[in-house]
Amino acid sequence: MEEKTPIKEKEKETIKEEEKEKEKKLKNEKHKEKVVDDEMRKGKSEANTDKKKDTTPNEGKEVPYPLVPSRKEKERHLSRFLDIFKKLEITLPFGEALQQMPLFIP
């Protein structure tokens, strides 16, 4: 007959605990395999869209196109254009200038 000694009971308990751990590992491995299989079935694009849905968009992001210029900006650009236009010098011989002038001015 088998005697019930504290050592044998402890061994049985450790064996049971080891079996439970093995079962947990198997369940985890099966779960991981299932997740991988699901992702493969969905395809990369669907898996990526699922991940993107989980993330929140950045609310402080700037607009990718330029904004409408303000009145001050328009005035600044106009004054800069006029300064450049005033500094513009064209050297043209008098004969060519006469040729380019219209003969009749209404």
Protein backbone atom coordinates (compact mmCIF):
# COMPACT_ATOMS: atom_id res chain seq x y z
CA MET A 1 0.00 0.00 0.00
CA GLU A 2 0.94 3.52 -0.63
CA GLU A 3 1.76 5.56 2.39
CA LYS A 4 0.75 9.19 2.63
CA THR A 5 3.85 10.98 3.62
CA PRO A 6 4.23 14.73 3.49
CA ILE A 7 7.02 14.38 0.93
CA LYS A 8 4.89 12.38 -1.49
CA GLU A 9 1.98 14.78 -1.11
CA LYS A 10 4.28 17.71 -1.89
CA GLU A 11 5.58 15.88 -4.95
CA LYS A 12 2.01 15.29 -6.13
CA GLU A 13 1.19 18.97 -5.60
CA THR A 14 4.26 20.10 -7.53
CA ILE A 15 3.42 17.70 -10.35
CA LYS A 16 -0.15 19.07 -10.48
CA GLU A 17 1.20 22.64 -10.51
CA GLU A 18 3.61 21.78 -13.32
CA GLU A 19 0.77 20.23 -15.31
CA LYS A 20 -1.33 23.36 -14.81
CA GLU A 21 1.56 25.54 -16.00
CA LYS A 22 2.00 23.36 -19.07
CA GLU A 23 -1.72 23.66 -19.82
CA LYS A 24 -1.51 27.46 -19.48
CA LYS A 25 1.48 27.56 -21.85
CA LEU A 26 -0.36 25.42 -24.37
CA LYS A 27 -3.41 27.68 -24.16
CA ASN A 28 -1.24 30.76 -24.65
CA GLU A 29 0.50 29.19 -27.63
CA LYS A 30 -2.83 28.21 -29.17
CA HIS A 31 -4.14 31.73 -28.60
CA LYS A 32 -1.05 33.25 -30.27
CA GLU A 33 -1.41 30.88 -33.21
CA LYS A 34 -5.06 31.82 -33.52
CA VAL A 35 -4.22 35.53 -33.54
CA VAL A 36 -1.57 35.00 -36.21
CA ASP A 37 -3.97 32.91 -38.29
CA ASP A 38 -6.65 35.59 -37.99
CA GLU A 39 -4.22 38.28 -39.14
CA MET A 40 -3.13 36.17 -42.06
CA ARG A 41 -6.76 35.61 -43.05
CA LYS A 42 -7.56 39.29 -42.79
CA GLY A 43 -4.54 40.28 -44.78
CA LYS A 44 -2.00 42.93 -44.00
CA SER A 45 -4.19 45.85 -44.98
CA GLU A 46 -7.06 44.89 -42.69
CA ALA A 47 -4.71 44.12 -39.81
CA ASN A 48 -3.09 47.53 -40.26
CA THR A 49 -6.47 49.28 -40.35
CA ASP A 50 -7.41 47.58 -37.08
CA LYS A 51 -4.22 48.88 -35.51
CA LYS A 52 -4.84 52.37 -36.92
CA LYS A 53 -8.36 52.41 -35.49
CA ASP A 54 -6.95 51.84 -32.01
CA THR A 55 -4.64 54.85 -32.21
CA THR A 56 -6.03 58.34 -31.69
CA PRO A 57 -5.32 61.03 -34.30
CA ASN A 58 -3.11 64.02 -33.48
CA GLU A 59 -5.42 66.97 -32.94
CA GLY A 60 -2.68 69.63 -32.98
CA LYS A 61 -1.46 68.73 -36.44
CA GLU A 62 -1.03 71.54 -38.96
CA VAL A 63 -3.03 71.67 -42.17
CA PRO A 64 -1.10 70.26 -45.15
CA TYR A 65 -2.07 73.10 -47.52
CA PRO A 66 -1.30 76.84 -47.21
CA LEU A 67 -3.71 79.17 -45.48
CA VAL A 68 -5.31 82.24 -47.07
CA PRO A 69 -2.87 85.16 -46.64
CA SER A 70 -3.98 87.92 -44.30
CA ARG A 71 -4.33 91.56 -45.31
CA LYS A 72 -1.02 92.46 -43.63
CA GLU A 73 0.78 89.75 -45.55
CA LYS A 74 -0.73 90.95 -48.83
CA GLU A 75 0.36 94.53 -48.10
CA ARG A 76 3.86 93.39 -47.20
CA HIS A 77 4.17 91.42 -50.44
CA LEU A 78 2.88 94.36 -52.49
CA SER A 79 5.32 96.81 -50.90
CA ARG A 80 8.19 94.38 -51.52
CA PHE A 81 7.12 93.98 -55.15
CA LEU A 82 6.95 97.76 -55.65
CA ASP A 83 10.43 98.22 -54.12
CA ILE A 84 11.88 95.65 -56.48
CA PHE A 85 9.98 97.23 -59.42
CA LYS A 86 11.38 100.70 -58.58
CA LYS A 87 14.94 99.33 -58.57
CA LEU A 88 14.46 97.66 -61.95
CA GLU A 89 16.61 99.15 -64.68
CA ILE A 90 16.45 98.26 -68.35
CA THR A 91 19.10 99.43 -70.79
CA LEU A 92 17.65 99.55 -74.26
CA PRO A 93 19.11 101.46 -77.20
CA PHE A 94 17.00 104.43 -78.33
CA GLY A 95 16.51 102.98 -81.82
CA GLU A 96 14.99 99.76 -80.49
CA ALA A 97 12.75 101.71 -78.13
CA LEU A 98 11.40 103.73 -81.07
CA GLN A 99 10.77 100.58 -83.06
CA GLN A 100 8.78 99.05 -80.20
CA MET A 101 6.62 102.17 -79.66
CA PRO A 102 3.23 102.12 -81.32
CA LEU A 103 2.81 104.57 -84.17
CA PHE A 104 -0.75 105.59 -83.36
CA ILE A 105 -1.94 106.23 -79.84
CA PRO A 106 -5.68 106.86 -79.46
